[in-house]
Amino acid sequence: MAEQSHEFTGKTVDEAVAEGLAQLRLSRSDVSVEILSKGSRGIFGIGSEPARVRLTPASKPQTPAQPAQPAPAAKAEPAPVQPPANKAEPAAAMPAETLEEEAPEFEEEEEPAAGEERAATAVSDQELAEMASDMLAEMIRLMGFEATVAASWQEPDEQEGDPYLLLDIEGQDLGALIGRRGETLASIQYLVRLMVNQRIRQWKNIVVDVEKYKERRVTQLTQLAQRMANQVVESGRAVALEPMPANERRIVHLALRDHPQVYTQSSGEDERRKVNIVPRDTA
């Protein structure tokens, strides 16, 4: 008769196997293990899935039946049969603590040896665009948004040395993906770059946008910088802009770097860091 299989889950394959052995009260050598899923940690805990394994108790050869002993003719009732003193204790009676100690560890995936780096994977621009788009689309889906990702290679501006891959998220009601001062969008871009880096073992310049928000923001900040510069020239007094993330401060610096009558400098710490537009000393 075939042994029945049982499925168990855990944060990792090791934990799932250990849980199954403890519940079945079997040792590792008594079961065969089939890994159904290695699980996933998800994104910020969203979309995480446990590891799943199937444990099947190994078939054991049955002990040959003992030949029946004829009852003595002089006795009306057969003598009670006592279990042999050296008969092994059933596996079900083994303590779970002992079984867990016997469970070996599983390696979910083969990692490079200490001091050894995994070789970079060569990918074409088309393959990279498809890979990054799929990763971003899955991330957005796990975050609960319905959107599509449009991928395109962009020529660098005068400050960027190489073409970059632009991933623009398109859909309805996506403001939450941008966040306050674009902080959520910056985190999403960081994660996509990190995941691609881990996959191909090399850095690629990938820019993530939402409905061309960054393009519009560059225009807005450039216009703001020019207006504030004119105000500084007219008043002769420096102006401090609102705190901005580093990428937005950079836009303001670049917009006014060649201005003949003002210059820019940053001040403040961390989230309070801002750009000051200062009149040049023309004396």
Protein backbone atom coordinates (compact mmCIF):
# COMPACT_ATOMS: atom_id res chain seq x y z
CA MET A 1 0.00 0.00 0.00
CA ALA A 2 1.46 3.39 -1.00
CA GLU A 3 2.37 5.77 1.82
CA GLN A 4 0.35 8.97 2.04
CA SER A 5 2.15 12.26 1.29
CA HIS A 6 1.84 15.35 3.46
CA GLU A 7 2.52 18.99 2.62
CA PHE A 8 4.07 21.43 5.07
CA THR A 9 5.02 25.10 4.97
CA GLY A 10 7.60 27.35 6.63
CA LYS A 11 9.53 30.56 6.11
CA THR A 12 12.28 28.49 4.48
CA VAL A 13 12.59 25.00 3.05
CA ASP A 14 14.53 23.96 6.17
CA GLU A 15 11.77 25.14 8.47
CA ALA A 16 9.07 23.45 6.41
CA VAL A 17 10.92 20.12 6.48
CA ALA A 18 11.61 20.39 10.22
CA GLU A 19 7.94 21.17 10.85
CA GLY A 20 6.87 18.15 8.83
CA LEU A 21 9.27 15.79 10.58
CA ALA A 22 8.09 17.02 13.96
CA GLN A 23 4.41 16.54 13.10
CA LEU A 24 4.93 13.12 11.53
CA ARG A 25 7.34 12.10 14.31
CA LEU A 26 9.73 10.69 11.75
CA SER A 27 13.45 11.11 11.17
CA ARG A 28 14.92 12.53 7.98
CA SER A 29 15.89 9.09 6.74
CA ASP A 30 12.28 7.92 7.05
CA VAL A 31 10.88 10.30 4.43
CA SER A 32 11.45 11.50 0.90
CA VAL A 33 11.30 15.28 0.42
CA GLU A 34 9.89 17.08 -2.61
CA ILE A 35 10.35 20.86 -2.68
CA LEU A 36 7.16 22.38 -4.11
CA SER A 37 8.18 26.03 -3.64
CA LYS A 38 11.19 27.77 -2.15
CA GLY A 39 8.94 30.66 -1.15
CA SER A 40 9.38 34.38 -1.68
CA ARG A 41 10.12 37.23 0.69
CA GLY A 42 8.08 39.65 -1.43
CA ILE A 43 8.55 43.40 -1.47
CA PHE A 44 8.52 45.06 1.98
CA GLY A 45 6.68 41.93 3.11
CA ILE A 46 3.99 42.38 0.45
CA GLY A 47 3.42 39.30 -1.68
CA SER A 48 5.61 37.03 0.43
CA GLU A 49 4.96 33.31 0.10
CA PRO A 50 6.02 30.49 2.43
CA ALA A 51 8.20 27.62 1.32
CA ARG A 52 6.22 24.40 0.66
CA VAL A 53 7.46 20.83 0.77
CA ARG A 54 5.84 17.42 0.38
CA LEU A 55 7.03 14.67 2.73
CA THR A 56 6.31 11.06 1.86
CA PRO A 57 7.13 8.41 4.48
CA ALA A 58 9.45 5.84 2.97
CA SER A 59 7.98 2.37 2.47
CA LYS A 60 9.41 -0.07 4.98
CA PRO A 61 9.59 -3.82 4.41
CA GLN A 62 7.05 -5.56 6.55
CA THR A 63 8.27 -7.95 9.21
CA PRO A 64 7.59 -11.54 8.17
CA ALA A 65 4.68 -12.99 10.03
CA GLN A 66 5.62 -15.43 12.78
CA PRO A 67 4.29 -18.92 12.20
CA ALA A 68 1.37 -19.68 14.42
CA GLN A 69 2.26 -21.81 17.40
CA PRO A 70 -0.22 -24.63 18.07
CA ALA A 71 -1.85 -24.34 21.44
CA PRO A 72 -0.87 -27.08 23.87
CA ALA A 73 -3.46 -29.78 23.84
CA ALA A 74 -3.59 -29.90 27.63
CA LYS A 75 -4.62 -26.21 27.92
CA ALA A 76 -8.07 -24.95 27.09
CA GLU A 77 -6.88 -21.36 26.47
CA PRO A 78 -3.83 -20.29 24.46
CA ALA A 79 -1.08 -18.61 26.41
CA PRO A 80 -1.01 -14.80 25.94
CA VAL A 81 1.62 -13.70 23.44
CA GLN A 82 4.18 -11.26 24.92
CA PRO A 83 5.96 -8.80 22.59
CA PRO A 84 9.65 -9.58 22.08
CA ALA A 85 11.87 -7.66 24.51
CA ASN A 86 14.18 -6.45 21.73
CA LYS A 87 11.47 -5.22 19.35
CA ALA A 88 12.22 -1.70 18.12
CA GLU A 89 9.97 1.08 19.43
CA PRO A 90 7.63 2.46 16.75
CA ALA A 91 8.77 5.73 15.15
CA ALA A 92 5.58 7.42 16.35
CA ALA A 93 6.82 7.20 19.94
CA MET A 94 10.09 9.06 19.24
CA PRO A 95 10.20 12.53 20.83
CA ALA A 96 9.89 15.44 18.41
CA GLU A 97 12.95 17.13 19.90
CA THR A 98 15.16 14.23 18.83
CA LEU A 99 13.74 14.19 15.33
CA GLU A 100 14.31 17.91 14.82
CA GLU A 101 17.96 17.48 15.77
CA GLU A 102 18.31 14.76 13.15
CA ALA A 103 16.83 16.87 10.34
CA PRO A 104 19.59 18.04 7.97
CA GLU A 105 19.77 21.51 6.53
CA PHE A 106 18.76 22.25 2.96
CA GLU A 107 20.44 24.80 0.75
CA GLU A 108 17.86 26.82 -1.15
CA GLU A 109 20.30 27.84 -3.83
CA GLU A 110 23.97 27.52 -4.46
CA GLU A 111 25.91 30.58 -3.38
CA PRO A 112 29.42 31.58 -4.45
CA ALA A 113 32.22 30.55 -2.11
CA ALA A 114 33.62 33.12 0.30
CA GLY A 115 35.62 35.73 -1.57
CA GLU A 116 34.28 34.51 -4.91
CA GLU A 117 32.03 36.72 -7.01
CA ARG A 118 29.36 35.47 -9.37
CA ALA A 119 30.21 36.19 -13.00
CA ALA A 120 28.26 38.92 -14.78
CA THR A 121 25.57 37.82 -17.22
CA ALA A 122 25.66 39.34 -20.69
CA VAL A 123 22.26 40.65 -21.79
CA SER A 124 21.16 42.68 -24.79
CA ASP A 125 19.35 46.01 -24.44
CA GLN A 126 16.10 44.31 -25.45
CA GLU A 127 16.55 41.52 -22.89
CA LEU A 128 17.37 44.03 -20.17
CA ALA A 129 14.30 46.13 -21.02
CA GLU A 130 12.02 43.07 -20.87
CA MET A 131 13.57 41.79 -17.63
CA ALA A 132 13.36 45.13 -15.83
CA SER A 133 9.81 45.77 -17.11
CA ASP A 134 8.62 42.38 -15.87
CA MET A 135 10.20 42.93 -12.45
CA LEU A 136 8.65 46.39 -12.09
CA ALA A 137 5.24 45.24 -13.32
CA GLU A 138 5.20 42.40 -10.78
CA MET A 139 6.25 44.76 -8.00
CA ILE A 140 3.44 47.16 -8.85
CA ARG A 141 0.94 44.30 -9.00
CA LEU A 142 2.00 43.08 -5.55
CA MET A 143 1.54 46.60 -4.23
CA GLY A 144 -2.10 46.47 -5.37
CA PHE A 145 -2.01 48.76 -8.42
CA GLU A 146 -3.28 48.13 -11.94
CA ALA A 147 -0.78 49.64 -14.35
CA THR A 148 1.43 48.93 -17.33
CA VAL A 149 5.12 49.61 -17.84
CA ALA A 150 6.45 51.27 -20.99
CA ALA A 151 10.18 50.70 -21.52
CA SER A 152 12.39 52.79 -23.79
CA TRP A 153 16.07 53.61 -24.13
CA GLN A 154 16.86 57.30 -23.77
CA GLU A 155 19.85 59.26 -24.97
CA PRO A 156 21.83 60.87 -22.15
CA ASP A 157 21.70 64.56 -21.43
CA GLU A 158 24.88 66.58 -21.06
CA GLN A 159 25.38 65.38 -17.47
CA GLU A 160 24.79 61.64 -18.06
CA GLY A 161 27.49 59.69 -19.86
CA ASP A 162 25.54 56.67 -21.14
CA PRO A 163 22.07 55.94 -22.52
CA TYR A 164 19.64 54.87 -19.82
CA LEU A 165 16.60 52.62 -19.67
CA LEU A 166 13.41 54.52 -18.84
CA LEU A 167 10.54 52.56 -17.29
CA ASP A 168 7.40 54.70 -17.23
CA ILE A 169 4.47 53.37 -15.19
CA GLU A 170 1.13 54.17 -16.82
CA GLY A 171 -2.32 53.84 -15.28
CA GLN A 172 -5.01 55.53 -13.19
CA ASP A 173 -4.68 56.93 -9.65
CA LEU A 174 -0.95 56.26 -9.33
CA GLY A 175 -0.12 59.25 -7.12
CA ALA A 176 0.68 56.93 -4.20
CA LEU A 177 3.55 55.47 -6.23
CA ILE A 178 5.15 58.91 -6.36
CA GLY A 179 4.79 59.78 -2.69
CA ARG A 180 5.75 62.92 -0.84
CA ARG A 181 8.47 64.74 -2.77
CA GLY A 182 8.87 61.66 -4.96
CA GLU A 183 10.25 59.56 -2.11
CA THR A 184 8.19 56.44 -2.89
CA LEU A 185 9.15 56.62 -6.55
CA ALA A 186 12.83 56.93 -5.60
CA SER A 187 12.54 53.80 -3.44
CA ILE A 188 10.87 51.86 -6.26
CA GLN A 189 13.66 52.88 -8.65
CA TYR A 190 16.29 51.79 -6.12
CA LEU A 191 14.66 48.37 -5.71
CA VAL A 192 14.40 47.79 -9.46
CA ARG A 193 18.06 48.67 -9.95
CA LEU A 194 18.99 46.38 -7.06
CA MET A 195 17.00 43.42 -8.41
CA VAL A 196 18.45 43.79 -11.91
CA ASN A 197 21.94 44.07 -10.43
CA GLN A 198 21.42 40.85 -8.49
CA ARG A 199 20.16 39.07 -11.60
CA ILE A 200 22.90 40.05 -14.06
CA ARG A 201 25.68 40.99 -11.60
CA GLN A 202 26.37 44.38 -13.17
CA TRP A 203 25.10 47.92 -12.72
CA LYS A 204 22.72 49.38 -15.26
CA ASN A 205 21.34 52.92 -15.36
CA ILE A 206 17.58 52.44 -14.98
CA VAL A 207 15.17 55.32 -14.38
CA VAL A 208 11.64 54.64 -13.12
CA ASP A 209 8.92 57.25 -13.67
CA VAL A 210 5.15 57.49 -13.19
CA GLU A 211 3.13 59.11 -15.98
CA LYS A 212 6.19 61.26 -16.89
CA TYR A 213 6.17 62.84 -13.41
CA LYS A 214 9.94 63.37 -13.42
CA GLU A 215 9.85 65.08 -16.80
CA ARG A 216 7.18 67.48 -15.58
CA ARG A 217 9.04 68.02 -12.31
CA VAL A 218 12.24 69.01 -14.15
CA THR A 219 10.28 71.66 -16.06
CA GLN A 220 8.63 72.96 -12.89
CA LEU A 221 11.88 73.19 -10.93
CA THR A 222 13.74 74.85 -13.79
CA GLN A 223 11.05 77.50 -14.08
CA LEU A 224 11.01 77.97 -10.30
CA ALA A 225 14.78 78.42 -10.22
CA GLN A 226 14.64 81.08 -12.93
CA ARG A 227 11.84 83.02 -11.17
CA MET A 228 13.64 82.94 -7.82
CA ALA A 229 16.90 84.01 -9.48
CA ASN A 230 15.18 87.05 -10.95
CA GLN A 231 13.77 87.88 -7.52
CA VAL A 232 17.23 87.66 -5.96
CA VAL A 233 18.68 89.94 -8.63
CA GLU A 234 15.94 92.54 -8.06
CA SER A 235 16.06 92.47 -4.26
CA GLY A 236 19.75 91.80 -3.75
CA ARG A 237 18.86 89.29 -1.02
CA ALA A 238 19.37 85.53 -0.99
CA VAL A 239 16.37 83.19 -1.20
CA ALA A 240 16.09 79.72 0.33
CA LEU A 241 13.91 77.20 -1.50
CA GLU A 242 11.89 74.52 0.27
CA PRO A 243 13.73 71.33 1.30
CA MET A 244 14.19 68.92 -1.60
CA PRO A 245 15.68 65.48 -2.21
CA ALA A 246 19.15 65.35 -3.73
CA ASN A 247 17.99 64.71 -7.30
CA GLU A 248 15.73 67.79 -7.26
CA ARG A 249 18.40 70.02 -5.69
CA ARG A 250 20.67 68.95 -8.53
CA ILE A 251 18.11 70.18 -11.09
CA VAL A 252 18.09 73.65 -9.49
CA HIS A 253 21.89 73.77 -9.31
CA LEU A 254 22.15 72.88 -13.00
CA ALA A 255 19.47 75.38 -14.02
CA LEU A 256 21.43 78.29 -12.50
CA ARG A 257 25.02 77.13 -12.79
CA ASP A 258 25.74 79.56 -15.66
CA HIS A 259 23.66 82.46 -14.32
CA PRO A 260 25.84 85.60 -14.35
CA GLN A 261 24.27 87.27 -11.29
CA VAL A 262 23.47 84.47 -8.83
CA TYR A 263 24.95 81.23 -7.59
CA THR A 264 23.50 78.32 -5.61
CA GLN A 265 24.56 76.42 -2.52
CA SER A 266 22.96 73.76 -0.35
CA SER A 267 22.42 73.97 3.40
CA GLY A 268 20.72 71.93 6.10
CA GLU A 269 20.86 68.27 7.03
CA ASP A 270 19.11 65.15 5.79
CA GLU A 271 15.46 65.79 4.89
CA ARG A 272 15.80 69.51 5.69
CA ARG A 273 18.54 70.09 3.15
CA LYS A 274 17.63 72.87 0.69
CA VAL A 275 19.04 75.11 -2.04
CA ASN A 276 19.94 78.75 -1.41
CA ILE A 277 20.06 81.19 -4.34
CA VAL A 278 22.60 83.88 -3.53
CA PRO A 279 23.44 87.12 -5.39
CA ARG A 280 26.95 87.31 -6.80
CA ASP A 281 29.27 90.01 -5.54
CA THR A 282 29.63 92.18 -8.62
CA ALA A 283 31.80 94.78 -6.93
